């Protein structure tokens, strides 16, 4: 059973969001990392890159496959977790502490379209 953390928001494409003021801290869910298997590379955007919700802004690659990372909210990238360049396996070890990017949100109302923990659990079945 995949770990789901209360207090985070989730997208149907398996990204999680932790809201910190006007910043969305984004990673991939425990379910997503378990489906990918051993993660070997994380392709991240650059700081100051701008995305709209639903844009793909990177990818997570594993020994068996790769998956796009979809922006759960619109805004500008203000930080990337550079530690993942050297240690992508941190996502496998703890998907919820290994954030990928921090996005300064341009439209906080987009958070309303994300799922809470219980809705995400239902999505996973």
Protein backbone atom coordinates (compact mmCIF):
# COMPACT_ATOMS: atom_id res chain seq x y z
CA UNK A 1 0.00 0.00 0.00
CA UNK A 2 1.36 3.40 -0.98
CA UNK A 3 1.96 6.00 1.69
CA UNK A 4 -0.28 9.08 1.47
CA UNK A 5 0.45 12.08 3.67
CA UNK A 6 -2.41 14.08 5.20
CA UNK A 7 -2.10 17.82 4.73
CA UNK A 8 -0.64 17.60 1.23
CA UNK A 9 -2.55 18.09 -2.00
CA UNK A 10 -2.30 15.64 -4.90
CA UNK A 11 -2.79 15.76 -8.65
CA UNK A 12 -4.36 12.97 -10.68
CA UNK A 13 -0.95 12.62 -12.40
CA UNK A 14 0.59 11.69 -8.99
CA UNK A 15 2.42 14.88 -8.02
CA UNK A 16 2.11 16.13 -4.43
CA UNK A 17 1.97 19.77 -3.34
CA UNK A 18 2.83 21.28 0.00
CA UNK A 19 1.68 24.89 0.24
CA UNK A 20 4.04 27.32 1.99
CA UNK A 21 2.59 30.83 1.71
CA UNK A 22 2.50 31.58 -2.02
CA UNK A 23 4.94 28.79 -2.86
CA UNK A 24 3.97 25.29 -3.96
CA UNK A 25 6.58 22.69 -3.05
CA UNK A 26 6.17 19.87 -5.60
CA UNK A 27 7.29 16.25 -5.70
CA UNK A 28 5.98 12.90 -6.90
CA UNK A 29 3.88 10.64 -4.73
CA UNK A 30 4.97 7.43 -3.07
CA UNK A 31 2.64 5.60 -5.47
CA UNK A 32 4.41 7.17 -8.47
CA UNK A 33 7.90 6.29 -7.23
CA UNK A 34 6.83 2.70 -6.48
CA UNK A 35 5.39 2.35 -10.00
CA UNK A 36 8.60 3.73 -11.54
CA UNK A 37 10.95 1.51 -9.56
CA UNK A 38 14.59 2.44 -8.95
CA UNK A 39 14.92 6.08 -10.01
CA UNK A 40 18.13 6.85 -11.88
CA UNK A 41 17.65 10.45 -13.10
CA UNK A 42 15.45 13.50 -12.46
CA UNK A 43 15.10 16.04 -15.28
CA UNK A 44 14.17 19.40 -13.71
CA UNK A 45 13.41 22.86 -15.06
CA UNK A 46 15.63 25.86 -14.36
CA UNK A 47 14.88 28.53 -11.75
CA UNK A 48 12.80 31.35 -13.30
CA UNK A 49 11.18 28.96 -15.82
CA UNK A 50 7.44 29.57 -15.95
CA UNK A 51 4.73 26.94 -16.41
CA UNK A 52 0.98 26.68 -16.58
CA UNK A 53 -0.88 24.00 -14.61
CA UNK A 54 -0.92 20.86 -16.73
CA UNK A 55 2.39 21.61 -18.52
CA UNK A 56 5.01 18.94 -18.32
CA UNK A 57 8.11 20.46 -16.77
CA UNK A 58 10.45 17.54 -16.28
CA UNK A 59 10.75 13.81 -16.04
CA UNK A 60 11.72 11.08 -13.62
CA UNK A 61 13.60 8.18 -15.17
CA UNK A 62 14.05 4.73 -13.72
CA UNK A 63 15.64 1.48 -14.82
CA UNK A 64 12.28 0.34 -16.26
CA UNK A 65 10.59 3.50 -17.57
CA UNK A 66 10.27 7.25 -17.36
CA UNK A 67 7.41 9.49 -16.35
CA UNK A 68 6.69 13.12 -17.04
CA UNK A 69 6.33 15.52 -14.13
CA UNK A 70 3.23 17.66 -14.65
CA UNK A 71 2.93 21.12 -13.09
CA UNK A 72 0.02 20.96 -10.61
CA UNK A 73 -0.15 24.79 -10.47
CA UNK A 74 0.88 27.71 -12.68
CA UNK A 75 3.78 29.93 -11.76
CA UNK A 76 7.52 30.49 -11.75
CA UNK A 77 10.13 28.02 -10.52
CA UNK A 78 11.95 29.62 -7.57
CA UNK A 79 14.06 26.60 -6.51
CA UNK A 80 15.08 23.15 -7.71
CA UNK A 81 16.25 20.33 -5.47
CA UNK A 82 19.79 20.08 -6.86
CA UNK A 83 20.54 17.20 -4.47
CA UNK A 84 18.43 14.98 -6.77
CA UNK A 85 20.95 15.44 -9.61
CA UNK A 86 23.50 13.43 -7.61
CA UNK A 87 21.06 11.30 -5.62
CA UNK A 88 17.82 10.64 -7.56
CA UNK A 89 17.25 7.56 -5.35
CA UNK A 90 16.22 9.93 -2.53
CA UNK A 91 12.76 9.92 -4.15
CA UNK A 92 12.60 6.13 -3.69
CA UNK A 93 13.74 6.44 -0.07
CA UNK A 94 11.13 9.05 0.90
CA UNK A 95 9.02 10.55 -1.87
CA UNK A 96 7.56 13.16 0.50
CA UNK A 97 10.82 14.65 1.71
CA UNK A 98 12.50 14.58 -1.73
CA UNK A 99 10.78 17.60 -3.26
CA UNK A 100 11.63 18.40 -6.87
CA UNK A 101 10.76 22.09 -7.39
CA UNK A 102 9.30 25.07 -5.59
CA UNK A 103 6.89 27.15 -7.67
CA UNK A 104 5.78 30.68 -6.86
CA UNK A 105 2.10 30.37 -7.69
CA UNK A 106 0.46 32.83 -10.06
CA UNK A 107 -3.08 31.58 -9.29
CA UNK A 108 -3.74 30.08 -5.86
CA UNK A 109 -7.29 29.11 -6.88
CA UNK A 110 -5.75 26.27 -8.92
CA UNK A 111 -5.12 24.51 -5.61
CA UNK A 112 -8.90 23.93 -5.44
CA UNK A 113 -8.68 21.48 -8.34
CA UNK A 114 -6.17 19.25 -6.52
CA UNK A 115 -7.11 16.28 -4.36
CA UNK A 116 -6.82 16.00 -0.59
CA UNK A 117 -5.33 12.85 0.92
CA UNK A 118 -8.62 10.94 1.18
CA UNK A 119 -9.64 11.81 -2.40
CA UNK A 120 -6.20 10.74 -3.64
CA UNK A 121 -6.53 7.45 -1.72
CA UNK A 122 -9.85 6.86 -3.49
CA UNK A 123 -8.19 7.60 -6.87
CA UNK A 124 -5.60 4.91 -6.15
CA UNK A 125 -8.41 2.53 -5.20
